Every structure is written in structure tokens, then in C-alpha cells.
Amino acid sequence: MAMATVRLLASASVSLGVGRRSWSRLAVSSSASGLLPRPGLALRGRRSFAAAAGGAVIGKADAVDADAGMDAVQRRLMFEDECILVDEQDNVIGHESKYNCHLMEKIDSGNVLHRAFSVFLFNSKYELLLQQRSATKVTFPLVWTNTCCSHPLYRESELIEEKCLGVRNAAQRKLFDELGITAEDLPVDQFIPLGRMLYKAPSDGKWGEHELDYLLFMVRDVKLSPNPEEVADVKYMNRDQLKELHRKADAGEDGVKLSPWFRLVVDNFLMSWWDHVEQGTLQVAADMKTIHKL
């Protein structure tokens, strides 16, 4: 039944891929027994940022006034997207706007933590696809990072916890949104969750990240059509090329910067996991019981 539901969700994602990537704003529902969130989870009373952190929620009108220079697309996503709030054991405790989840004053004062994912997509030559985030990104603009980094949203299809299906659905959605990779090229059952990490990182004086991040791997050749509103550049890199990029970032050469979450994965996990990519043994490396606090 689980595999059948995976195929159903993948198929549904394809059917929604019409118009200008509009399906990324739509929820894909599934009524398959055993694969929905715990009863009442998605429908229970909203636990807002104020309830979770004991602070005041910044209203949309106030925030728009304060951030008048923010890119219109990024501003819209900041208020439309509802991130999933979790505790440090990855239990869902509520939801909040992407805007409030990324304000450092809220993160520091309330220790607000949200669920995220980072995708590492390799081609058949075992090269890793990297992206440079667009200049209009609110957090960490123009830094180089792994294939795709984003958040599952507070909706039924992305709250499914069994076999990390909610996070996989979110990854499929966002890879189309950012890189134009279709659902046919990214079956949700082929994302391999290898681990979870918890980290906090400021972007500038105002914005930052505090995430419980699912690390998803896949080996597959795909067609790319990057969205310039999200992505400035893309590159496939082998190990040596990535090590050189890392060296340049450390030395401050050519203005190269790496995202903090990508640097943590590179420094702690990636090279040993790359061995498993090449050997076809990624499942052996998986450890979804541990939450690495980095």
C-alpha cells in the first residue's frame, strides 16, 4: 500500500504540473490509510509563532512596510508558505510563516525550529549537481549550495511521516519549482533519506536559519530548466572540483561562498556518503534515528 501511495502522489504531482509552475502552491491529498499524519494533526488549532515562542507575530502589513525593498516573488513566498514547527526530537508542534521562521530575533528569542530538507542529486557519472542561489533570495543570496534546499509545508501531503514521504513530496515539488525537473524525472520513492541534522546559522543581521534538516540523496540523470527567480547558476561537480570550490570559499577567492548547511554536510558526511553513491550502497549509510546537532 505504501508504494502504491507513493506512485499515486508522484502521478498526482505530474498532473498538477501545468501553467507557470503553479502546482508548487497546491497540496496533493491522499486518503490512503496509514499514510496520513496522525489524526487531527493537520486540522488541529493553529499554534502560531507567538504561541510557540512566547513572542509577538509580525503581521503581513507591518512586515511589507518594513521590507519594501524585498523582491516581490520572495516576499510572496515569505507569507504564503507555512513552515512546519518542530521540537528538537522532530515532533510537529505547529506551523508559522516562512517570514517569522527566518527572523533571527525570533529564532534567538524563542528558539523556533522548523523542518527542512536538502537534496543531493547525482548524475550517472556520480557528479553532484550544485546550485548558486539567486541574488533575490532573502537568506544567503548568491551562495553555492547543494542541489535544492527548502522546507516541507504545513499541508497533508508534506506532513506524512511514514518513510519520510511528506519530505520527499516537498522535495519533488521544490525541485520542479527551482530547477524545472519534472516529477517523471524524480519519482518520490527514489529519494533516499540518509540522515537528519539540526543547525542554526545567521545570514545577516536580520535573517537566518534554524532548521531540522532531512538529507535526501538520489542518483538520476535529469533535464534542467532553472528558474532565475530562485537560481543564479548550476554546475555538476566531481569530488575534486567540489574540494576546490570549498578551498576557494575558505580562502575568500573569487567571491565564492558556501551555504552553512551545505558546508556542514560536506565537512561531516558527504565524502564518505559519496563512496556509497558510487558503490550503489546508499541504503547502508542511512541513519534516520539519529539527529545530528551541529
C-alpha atoms as a PDB file:
ATOM      1  CA  MET A   1       0.000   0.000   0.000  1.00  0.00           C
ATOM      2  CA  ALA A   2       2.856   2.422   0.835  1.00  0.00           C
ATOM      3  CA  MET A   3       4.468   2.004  -2.585  1.00  0.00           C
ATOM      4  CA  ALA A   4       1.092   2.365  -4.270  1.00  0.00           C
ATOM      5  CA  THR A   5       0.547   5.646  -2.449  1.00  0.00           C
ATOM      6  CA  VAL A   6       3.991   6.879  -3.448  1.00  0.00           C
ATOM      7  CA  ARG A   7       3.180   6.216  -7.072  1.00  0.00           C
ATOM      8  CA  LEU A   8      -0.212   7.900  -6.636  1.00  0.00           C
ATOM      9  CA  LEU A   9       1.368  11.047  -5.213  1.00  0.00           C
ATOM     10  CA  ALA A  10       4.019  11.137  -7.934  1.00  0.00           C
ATOM     11  CA  SER A  11       1.333  10.764 -10.569  1.00  0.00           C
ATOM     12  CA  ALA A  12      -0.740  13.498  -8.951  1.00  0.00           C
ATOM     13  CA  SER A  13       2.258  15.804  -8.939  1.00  0.00           C
ATOM     14  CA  VAL A  14       2.671  15.315 -12.688  1.00  0.00           C
ATOM     15  CA  SER A  15      -0.980  16.091 -13.349  1.00  0.00           C
ATOM     16  CA  LEU A  16      -0.618  19.375 -11.457  1.00  0.00           C
ATOM     17  CA  GLY A  17       2.407  20.493 -13.471  1.00  0.00           C
ATOM     18  CA  VAL A  18       0.540  22.895 -15.735  1.00  0.00           C
ATOM     19  CA  GLY A  19       0.923  26.621 -16.224  1.00  0.00           C
ATOM     20  CA  ARG A  20       3.833  28.526 -14.723  1.00  0.00           C
ATOM     21  CA  ARG A  21       4.938  26.080 -12.020  1.00  0.00           C
ATOM     22  CA  SER A  22       1.673  26.835 -10.266  1.00  0.00           C
ATOM     23  CA  TRP A  23       1.346  23.333  -8.844  1.00  0.00           C
ATOM     24  CA  SER A  24       4.010  24.192  -6.275  1.00  0.00           C
ATOM     25  CA  ARG A  25       1.320  26.087  -4.373  1.00  0.00           C
ATOM     26  CA  LEU A  26      -1.184  23.246  -4.419  1.00  0.00           C
ATOM     27  CA  ALA A  27      -1.488  20.422  -1.909  1.00  0.00           C
ATOM     28  CA  VAL A  28      -1.670  16.842  -3.151  1.00  0.00           C
ATOM     29  CA  SER A  29      -4.043  14.943  -0.910  1.00  0.00           C
ATOM     30  CA  SER A  30      -4.055  11.222  -0.230  1.00  0.00           C
ATOM     31  CA  SER A  31      -6.642   9.242   1.670  1.00  0.00           C
ATOM     32  CA  ALA A  32      -4.633   6.017   1.809  1.00  0.00           C
ATOM     33  CA  SER A  33      -4.916   4.559   5.286  1.00  0.00           C
ATOM     34  CA  GLY A  34      -1.809   4.623   7.415  1.00  0.00           C
ATOM     35  CA  LEU A  35      -0.023   7.274   5.394  1.00  0.00           C
ATOM     36  CA  LEU A  36      -1.738  10.447   6.569  1.00  0.00           C
ATOM     37  CA  PRO A  37      -0.437  12.439   9.541  1.00  0.00           C
ATOM     38  CA  ARG A  38      -1.608  11.461  12.982  1.00  0.00           C
ATOM     39  CA  PRO A  39      -5.393  12.025  13.263  1.00  0.00           C
ATOM     40  CA  GLY A  40      -6.213  15.666  13.727  1.00  0.00           C
ATOM     41  CA  LEU A  41      -2.656  16.881  13.258  1.00  0.00           C
ATOM     42  CA  ALA A  42      -3.205  18.983  10.137  1.00  0.00           C
ATOM     43  CA  LEU A  43      -6.613  20.195  11.322  1.00  0.00           C
ATOM     44  CA  ARG A  44      -5.958  20.997  14.949  1.00  0.00           C
ATOM     45  CA  GLY A  45      -5.880  24.580  16.222  1.00  0.00           C
ATOM     46  CA  ARG A  46      -3.089  26.685  14.779  1.00  0.00           C
ATOM     47  CA  ARG A  47      -0.124  27.027  17.054  1.00  0.00           C
ATOM     48  CA  SER A  48       1.399  30.235  15.810  1.00  0.00           C
ATOM     49  CA  PHE A  49       4.871  31.600  16.296  1.00  0.00           C
ATOM     50  CA  ALA A  50       3.592  33.646  19.232  1.00  0.00           C
ATOM     51  CA  ALA A  51       2.310  30.518  20.969  1.00  0.00           C
ATOM     52  CA  ALA A  52       5.451  28.550  20.232  1.00  0.00           C
ATOM     53  CA  ALA A  53       7.938  31.244  21.139  1.00  0.00           C
ATOM     54  CA  GLY A  54       6.064  33.455  23.536  1.00  0.00           C
ATOM     55  CA  GLY A  55       6.593  36.469  21.271  1.00  0.00           C
ATOM     56  CA  ALA A  56       4.526  38.688  19.034  1.00  0.00           C
ATOM     57  CA  VAL A  57       3.789  37.645  15.478  1.00  0.00           C
ATOM     58  CA  ILE A  58       4.808  40.225  12.882  1.00  0.00           C
ATOM     59  CA  GLY A  59       1.754  40.992  10.779  1.00  0.00           C
ATOM     60  CA  LYS A  60       1.896  40.909   6.996  1.00  0.00           C
ATOM     61  CA  ALA A  61       1.108  44.620   6.571  1.00  0.00           C
ATOM     62  CA  ASP A  62       3.786  45.659   9.074  1.00  0.00           C
ATOM     63  CA  ALA A  63       6.347  43.344   7.505  1.00  0.00           C
ATOM     64  CA  VAL A  64       5.634  44.525   3.962  1.00  0.00           C
ATOM     65  CA  ASP A  65       6.122  48.105   5.091  1.00  0.00           C
ATOM     66  CA  ALA A  66       9.399  47.183   6.781  1.00  0.00           C
ATOM     67  CA  ASP A  67      10.680  45.184   3.797  1.00  0.00           C
ATOM     68  CA  ALA A  68       9.530  47.322   0.894  1.00  0.00           C
ATOM     69  CA  GLY A  69      12.769  46.591  -0.977  1.00  0.00           C
ATOM     70  CA  MET A  70      12.322  42.821  -0.874  1.00  0.00           C
ATOM     71  CA  ASP A  71      11.858  41.059  -4.225  1.00  0.00           C
ATOM     72  CA  ALA A  72       8.120  40.650  -4.921  1.00  0.00           C
ATOM     73  CA  VAL A  73       8.328  36.896  -5.563  1.00  0.00           C
ATOM     74  CA  GLN A  74      10.352  36.255  -2.416  1.00  0.00           C
ATOM     75  CA  ARG A  75       8.016  38.456  -0.365  1.00  0.00           C
ATOM     76  CA  ARG A  76       5.007  36.478  -1.580  1.00  0.00           C
ATOM     77  CA  LEU A  77       6.642  33.192  -0.644  1.00  0.00           C
ATOM     78  CA  MET A  78       7.590  34.581   2.759  1.00  0.00           C
ATOM     79  CA  PHE A  79       3.912  34.995   3.621  1.00  0.00           C
ATOM     80  CA  GLU A  80       2.226  32.245   1.587  1.00  0.00           C
ATOM     81  CA  ASP A  81       4.497  29.435   2.750  1.00  0.00           C
ATOM     82  CA  GLU A  82       3.713  27.968   6.169  1.00  0.00           C
ATOM     83  CA  CYS A  83       6.673  26.079   7.601  1.00  0.00           C
ATOM     84  CA  ILE A  84       6.330  23.126   9.966  1.00  0.00           C
ATOM     85  CA  LEU A  85       7.449  23.915  13.529  1.00  0.00           C
ATOM     86  CA  VAL A  86       9.117  21.013  15.352  1.00  0.00           C
ATOM     87  CA  ASP A  87      10.875  20.401  18.647  1.00  0.00           C
ATOM     88  CA  GLU A  88      14.445  19.085  18.808  1.00  0.00           C
ATOM     89  CA  GLN A  89      13.133  15.499  18.612  1.00  0.00           C
ATOM     90  CA  ASP A  90      11.400  16.382  15.304  1.00  0.00           C
ATOM     91  CA  ASN A  91       7.875  16.234  16.752  1.00  0.00           C
ATOM     92  CA  VAL A  92       5.452  18.576  14.977  1.00  0.00           C
ATOM     93  CA  ILE A  93       4.288  21.322  17.346  1.00  0.00           C
ATOM     94  CA  GLY A  94       2.630  23.775  14.958  1.00  0.00           C
ATOM     95  CA  HIS A  95       3.285  25.998  11.966  1.00  0.00           C
ATOM     96  CA  GLU A  96       4.337  29.549  11.136  1.00  0.00           C
ATOM     97  CA  SER A  97       5.016  31.763   8.149  1.00  0.00           C
ATOM     98  CA  LYS A  98       8.345  31.467   6.401  1.00  0.00           C
ATOM     99  CA  TYR A  99       8.857  35.138   7.244  1.00  0.00           C
ATOM    100  CA  ASN A 100       8.655  34.668  11.007  1.00  0.00           C
ATOM    101  CA  CYS A 101      10.643  31.426  10.910  1.00  0.00           C
ATOM    102  CA  HIS A 102      13.646  33.214   9.389  1.00  0.00           C
ATOM    103  CA  LEU A 103      13.836  36.335  11.557  1.00  0.00           C
ATOM    104  CA  MET A 104      16.925  35.972  13.763  1.00  0.00           C
ATOM    105  CA  GLU A 105      15.362  37.944  16.610  1.00  0.00           C
ATOM    106  CA  LYS A 106      12.517  35.430  16.692  1.00  0.00           C
ATOM    107  CA  ILE A 107      14.861  32.461  16.326  1.00  0.00           C
ATOM    108  CA  ASP A 108      17.114  33.677  19.146  1.00  0.00           C
ATOM    109  CA  SER A 109      14.344  34.778  21.491  1.00  0.00           C
ATOM    110  CA  GLY A 110      12.047  31.792  21.004  1.00  0.00           C
ATOM    111  CA  ASN A 111      14.385  29.061  19.754  1.00  0.00           C
ATOM    112  CA  VAL A 112      11.887  28.497  16.944  1.00  0.00           C
ATOM    113  CA  LEU A 113      12.854  25.480  14.858  1.00  0.00           C
ATOM    114  CA  HIS A 114      11.339  24.387  11.537  1.00  0.00           C
ATOM    115  CA  ARG A 115      11.631  21.273   9.394  1.00  0.00           C
ATOM    116  CA  ALA A 116      13.680  21.470   6.190  1.00  0.00           C
ATOM    117  CA  PHE A 117      15.261  19.257   3.545  1.00  0.00           C
ATOM    118  CA  SER A 118      18.446  19.314   1.485  1.00  0.00           C
ATOM    119  CA  VAL A 119      18.608  17.314  -1.763  1.00  0.00           C
ATOM    120  CA  PHE A 120      21.869  15.920  -3.191  1.00  0.00           C
ATOM    121  CA  LEU A 121      21.236  14.847  -6.778  1.00  0.00           C
ATOM    122  CA  PHE A 122      23.985  12.967  -8.640  1.00  0.00           C
ATOM    123  CA  ASN A 123      24.095  12.098 -12.325  1.00  0.00           C
ATOM    124  CA  SER A 124      25.151   8.720 -13.738  1.00  0.00           C
ATOM    125  CA  LYS A 125      28.786   9.914 -13.734  1.00  0.00           C
ATOM    126  CA  TYR A 126      28.435  10.398  -9.955  1.00  0.00           C
ATOM    127  CA  GLU A 127      28.808  14.154 -10.222  1.00  0.00           C
ATOM    128  CA  LEU A 128      26.861  16.250  -7.717  1.00  0.00           C
ATOM    129  CA  LEU A 129      24.541  18.978  -9.005  1.00  0.00           C
ATOM    130  CA  LEU A 130      25.118  22.274  -7.206  1.00  0.00           C
ATOM    131  CA  GLN A 131      23.174  25.494  -7.483  1.00  0.00           C
ATOM    132  CA  GLN A 132      24.045  29.100  -6.763  1.00  0.00           C
ATOM    133  CA  ARG A 133      21.134  30.774  -5.021  1.00  0.00           C
ATOM    134  CA  SER A 134      19.649  33.803  -6.772  1.00  0.00           C
ATOM    135  CA  ALA A 135      20.559  37.358  -5.822  1.00  0.00           C
ATOM    136  CA  THR A 136      16.973  37.992  -4.682  1.00  0.00           C
ATOM    137  CA  LYS A 137      16.955  35.251  -2.041  1.00  0.00           C
ATOM    138  CA  VAL A 138      16.229  36.701   1.386  1.00  0.00           C
ATOM    139  CA  THR A 139      18.636  34.352   3.166  1.00  0.00           C
ATOM    140  CA  PHE A 140      22.097  33.557   1.806  1.00  0.00           C
ATOM    141  CA  PRO A 141      21.815  35.141  -1.664  1.00  0.00           C
ATOM    142  CA  LEU A 142      24.403  34.115  -4.294  1.00  0.00           C
ATOM    143  CA  VAL A 143      25.953  31.376  -2.164  1.00  0.00           C
ATOM    144  CA  TRP A 144      26.719  27.953  -3.640  1.00  0.00           C
ATOM    145  CA  THR A 145      24.883  25.043  -2.129  1.00  0.00           C
ATOM    146  CA  ASN A 146      23.630  21.529  -2.780  1.00  0.00           C
ATOM    147  CA  THR A 147      21.046  20.719  -5.447  1.00  0.00           C
ATOM    148  CA  CYS A 148      17.998  22.059  -3.627  1.00  0.00           C
ATOM    149  CA  CYS A 149      17.303  23.285  -0.100  1.00  0.00           C
ATOM    150  CA  SER A 150      13.831  24.206   1.133  1.00  0.00           C
ATOM    151  CA  HIS A 151      11.004  23.326   3.519  1.00  0.00           C
ATOM    152  CA  PRO A 152       8.102  20.915   3.598  1.00  0.00           C
ATOM    153  CA  LEU A 153       4.960  22.976   4.094  1.00  0.00           C
ATOM    154  CA  TYR A 154       2.158  22.555   6.610  1.00  0.00           C
ATOM    155  CA  ARG A 155      -0.179  20.590   4.351  1.00  0.00           C
ATOM    156  CA  GLU A 156      -1.358  16.972   4.432  1.00  0.00           C
ATOM    157  CA  SER A 157       0.855  15.703   1.618  1.00  0.00           C
ATOM    158  CA  GLU A 158       4.010  17.130   3.219  1.00  0.00           C
ATOM    159  CA  LEU A 159       3.241  16.170   6.822  1.00  0.00           C
ATOM    160  CA  ILE A 160       3.239  12.419   6.105  1.00  0.00           C
ATOM    161  CA  GLU A 161       5.902  10.966   8.363  1.00  0.00           C
ATOM    162  CA  GLU A 162       5.930   7.305   7.287  1.00  0.00           C
ATOM    163  CA  LYS A 163       9.062   6.642   5.221  1.00  0.00           C
ATOM    164  CA  CYS A 164       9.661  10.432   5.155  1.00  0.00           C
ATOM    165  CA  LEU A 165       7.032  10.655   2.427  1.00  0.00           C
ATOM    166  CA  GLY A 166       5.996  14.208   3.300  1.00  0.00           C
ATOM    167  CA  VAL A 167       9.562  15.468   2.973  1.00  0.00           C
ATOM    168  CA  ARG A 168      10.009  13.518  -0.281  1.00  0.00           C
ATOM    169  CA  ASN A 169       6.834  15.080  -1.707  1.00  0.00           C
ATOM    170  CA  ALA A 170       8.138  18.533  -0.756  1.00  0.00           C
ATOM    171  CA  ALA A 171      11.494  17.819  -2.401  1.00  0.00           C
ATOM    172  CA  GLN A 172       9.808  16.772  -5.644  1.00  0.00           C
ATOM    173  CA  ARG A 173       7.679  19.926  -5.595  1.00  0.00           C
ATOM    174  CA  LYS A 174      10.578  22.277  -4.942  1.00  0.00           C
ATOM    175  CA  LEU A 175      12.975  20.703  -7.452  1.00  0.00           C
ATOM    176  CA  PHE A 176      10.425  21.490 -10.137  1.00  0.00           C
ATOM    177  CA  ASP A 177       9.906  24.986  -8.751  1.00  0.00           C
ATOM    178  CA  GLU A 178      13.623  25.841  -8.674  1.00  0.00           C
ATOM    179  CA  LEU A 179      15.232  23.706 -11.377  1.00  0.00           C
ATOM    180  CA  GLY A 180      12.337  22.725 -13.634  1.00  0.00           C
ATOM    181  CA  ILE A 181      12.909  18.988 -13.054  1.00  0.00           C
ATOM    182  CA  THR A 182       9.632  17.208 -13.724  1.00  0.00           C
ATOM    183  CA  ALA A 183       8.009  14.709 -11.404  1.00  0.00           C
ATOM    184  CA  GLU A 184       8.538  11.975 -14.001  1.00  0.00           C
ATOM    185  CA  ASP A 185      12.281  12.510 -13.624  1.00  0.00           C
ATOM    186  CA  LEU A 186      12.105  12.457  -9.822  1.00  0.00           C
ATOM    187  CA  PRO A 187       9.951   9.587  -8.519  1.00  0.00           C
ATOM    188  CA  VAL A 188       9.389  10.226  -4.821  1.00  0.00           C
ATOM    189  CA  ASP A 189      10.261   6.628  -3.921  1.00  0.00           C
ATOM    190  CA  GLN A 190      13.782   7.115  -5.308  1.00  0.00           C
ATOM    191  CA  PHE A 191      14.738   9.852  -2.828  1.00  0.00           C
ATOM    192  CA  ILE A 192      16.894   8.116  -0.206  1.00  0.00           C
ATOM    193  CA  PRO A 193      16.849   9.814   3.219  1.00  0.00           C
ATOM    194  CA  LEU A 194      20.315   9.374   4.746  1.00  0.00           C
ATOM    195  CA  GLY A 195      20.066  11.407   7.924  1.00  0.00           C
ATOM    196  CA  ARG A 196      18.872  14.460   9.822  1.00  0.00           C
ATOM    197  CA  MET A 197      20.813  17.371  11.273  1.00  0.00           C
ATOM    198  CA  LEU A 198      19.885  20.319  13.473  1.00  0.00           C
ATOM    199  CA  TYR A 199      21.721  23.614  12.997  1.00  0.00           C
ATOM    200  CA  LYS A 200      21.389  27.376  13.436  1.00  0.00           C
ATOM    201  CA  ALA A 201      23.030  29.933  11.145  1.00  0.00           C
ATOM    202  CA  PRO A 202      22.607  33.717  10.788  1.00  0.00           C
ATOM    203  CA  SER A 203      22.540  35.083   7.235  1.00  0.00           C
ATOM    204  CA  ASP A 204      22.897  38.762   8.084  1.00  0.00           C
ATOM    205  CA  GLY A 205      21.814  40.953  10.960  1.00  0.00           C
ATOM    206  CA  LYS A 206      18.128  40.290  10.333  1.00  0.00           C
ATOM    207  CA  TRP A 207      17.666  36.883   8.697  1.00  0.00           C
ATOM    208  CA  GLY A 208      18.886  33.367   9.398  1.00  0.00           C
ATOM    209  CA  GLU A 209      18.102  29.673   9.602  1.00  0.00           C
ATOM    210  CA  HIS A 210      17.238  27.310  12.438  1.00  0.00           C
ATOM    211  CA  GLU A 211      16.363  24.010  10.858  1.00  0.00           C
ATOM    212  CA  LEU A 212      15.960  20.325  11.428  1.00  0.00           C
ATOM    213  CA  ASP A 213      17.190  19.274   8.012  1.00  0.00           C
ATOM    214  CA  TYR A 214      16.449  15.983   6.210  1.00  0.00           C
ATOM    215  CA  LEU A 215      19.292  14.965   3.886  1.00  0.00           C
ATOM    216  CA  LEU A 216      17.930  13.300   0.727  1.00  0.00           C
ATOM    217  CA  PHE A 217      20.092  11.617  -1.930  1.00  0.00           C
ATOM    218  CA  MET A 218      19.286  10.413  -5.436  1.00  0.00           C
ATOM    219  CA  VAL A 219      21.285   9.208  -8.449  1.00  0.00           C
ATOM    220  CA  ARG A 220      19.486  10.037 -11.677  1.00  0.00           C
ATOM    221  CA  ASP A 221      20.041  11.835 -14.973  1.00  0.00           C
ATOM    222  CA  VAL A 222      17.529  14.681 -15.353  1.00  0.00           C
ATOM    223  CA  LYS A 223      16.681  17.584 -17.634  1.00  0.00           C
ATOM    224  CA  LEU A 224      17.184  21.026 -16.096  1.00  0.00           C
ATOM    225  CA  SER A 225      15.318  24.278 -16.667  1.00  0.00           C
ATOM    226  CA  PRO A 226      16.442  26.569 -13.813  1.00  0.00           C
ATOM    227  CA  ASN A 227      14.085  29.256 -12.561  1.00  0.00           C
ATOM    228  CA  PRO A 228      16.049  32.564 -12.470  1.00  0.00           C
ATOM    229  CA  GLU A 229      13.888  33.831  -9.619  1.00  0.00           C
ATOM    230  CA  GLU A 230      15.369  31.062  -7.464  1.00  0.00           C
ATOM    231  CA  VAL A 231      18.679  30.040  -9.052  1.00  0.00           C
ATOM    232  CA  ALA A 232      21.563  32.122 -10.415  1.00  0.00           C
ATOM    233  CA  ASP A 233      23.685  29.237 -11.756  1.00  0.00           C
ATOM    234  CA  VAL A 234      24.052  25.445 -11.710  1.00  0.00           C
ATOM    235  CA  LYS A 235      27.071  23.135 -12.038  1.00  0.00           C
ATOM    236  CA  TYR A 236      27.768  19.426 -11.867  1.00  0.00           C
ATOM    237  CA  MET A 237      30.931  18.767  -9.873  1.00  0.00           C
ATOM    238  CA  ASN A 238      33.079  15.756  -9.113  1.00  0.00           C
ATOM    239  CA  ARG A 239      34.838  15.385  -5.768  1.00  0.00           C
ATOM    240  CA  ASP A 240      37.977  17.245  -6.771  1.00  0.00           C
ATOM    241  CA  GLN A 241      36.009  20.155  -8.205  1.00  0.00           C
ATOM    242  CA  LEU A 242      33.955  20.392  -5.026  1.00  0.00           C
ATOM    243  CA  LYS A 243      37.098  20.340  -2.893  1.00  0.00           C
ATOM    244  CA  GLU A 244      38.467  23.234  -4.975  1.00  0.00           C
ATOM    245  CA  LEU A 245      35.208  25.164  -4.531  1.00  0.00           C
ATOM    246  CA  HIS A 246      35.447  24.524  -0.780  1.00  0.00           C
ATOM    247  CA  ARG A 247      39.054  25.774  -0.774  1.00  0.00           C
ATOM    248  CA  LYS A 248      38.084  28.964  -2.611  1.00  0.00           C
ATOM    249  CA  ALA A 249      35.260  29.603  -0.138  1.00  0.00           C
ATOM    250  CA  ASP A 250      37.651  29.129   2.799  1.00  0.00           C
ATOM    251  CA  ALA A 251      40.202  31.460   1.190  1.00  0.00           C
ATOM    252  CA  GLY A 252      37.649  34.038   0.090  1.00  0.00           C
ATOM    253  CA  GLU A 253      38.743  33.708  -3.533  1.00  0.00           C
ATOM    254  CA  ASP A 254      36.570  34.876  -6.439  1.00  0.00           C
ATOM    255  CA  GLY A 255      33.787  35.828  -4.050  1.00  0.00           C
ATOM    256  CA  VAL A 256      32.870  32.149  -3.580  1.00  0.00           C
ATOM    257  CA  LYS A 257      30.632  31.402  -0.598  1.00  0.00           C
ATOM    258  CA  LEU A 258      29.010  28.158   0.550  1.00  0.00           C
ATOM    259  CA  SER A 259      25.737  27.900   2.423  1.00  0.00           C
ATOM    260  CA  PRO A 260      26.250  26.950   6.088  1.00  0.00           C
ATOM    261  CA  TRP A 261      24.115  23.798   5.846  1.00  0.00           C
ATOM    262  CA  PHE A 262      25.996  22.603   2.757  1.00  0.00           C
ATOM    263  CA  ARG A 263      29.340  23.245   4.457  1.00  0.00           C
ATOM    264  CA  LEU A 264      28.193  21.192   7.473  1.00  0.00           C
ATOM    265  CA  VAL A 265      27.240  18.254   5.248  1.00  0.00           C
ATOM    266  CA  VAL A 266      30.499  18.479   3.274  1.00  0.00           C
ATOM    267  CA  ASP A 267      32.615  18.659   6.440  1.00  0.00           C
ATOM    268  CA  ASN A 268      30.813  15.891   8.330  1.00  0.00           C
ATOM    269  CA  PHE A 269      29.219  13.410   5.929  1.00  0.00           C
ATOM    270  CA  LEU A 270      29.459  13.982   2.205  1.00  0.00           C
ATOM    271  CA  MET A 271      32.735  12.367   1.181  1.00  0.00           C
ATOM    272  CA  SER A 272      32.016   9.075   2.940  1.00  0.00           C
ATOM    273  CA  TRP A 273      28.461   9.081   1.559  1.00  0.00           C
ATOM    274  CA  TRP A 274      29.858   9.769  -1.914  1.00  0.00           C
ATOM    275  CA  ASP A 275      31.588   6.373  -1.676  1.00  0.00           C
ATOM    276  CA  HIS A 276      28.180   4.775  -1.222  1.00  0.00           C
ATOM    277  CA  VAL A 277      26.803   6.770  -4.175  1.00  0.00           C
ATOM    278  CA  GLU A 278      29.479   5.265  -6.420  1.00  0.00           C
ATOM    279  CA  GLN A 279      29.090   1.769  -4.978  1.00  0.00           C
ATOM    280  CA  GLY A 280      25.284   1.780  -5.131  1.00  0.00           C
ATOM    281  CA  THR A 281      25.015   1.185  -1.375  1.00  0.00           C
ATOM    282  CA  LEU A 282      23.345   4.375  -0.130  1.00  0.00           C
ATOM    283  CA  GLN A 283      20.796   2.430   1.923  1.00  0.00           C
ATOM    284  CA  VAL A 284      23.669   1.048   4.009  1.00  0.00           C
ATOM    285  CA  ALA A 285      24.662   4.581   5.021  1.00  0.00           C
ATOM    286  CA  ALA A 286      21.167   5.645   6.082  1.00  0.00           C
ATOM    287  CA  ASP A 287      20.610   6.538   9.738  1.00  0.00           C
ATOM    288  CA  MET A 288      17.276   8.245  10.295  1.00  0.00           C
ATOM    289  CA  LYS A 289      17.174   7.552  14.041  1.00  0.00           C
ATOM    290  CA  THR A 290      19.962   9.987  14.927  1.00  0.00           C
ATOM    291  CA  ILE A 291      19.503  13.760  14.821  1.00  0.00           C
ATOM    292  CA  HIS A 292      22.974  15.277  14.474  1.00  0.00           C
ATOM    293  CA  LYS A 293      23.226  18.570  16.382  1.00  0.00           C
ATOM    294  CA  LEU A 294      25.865  20.598  14.532  1.00  0.00           C
END
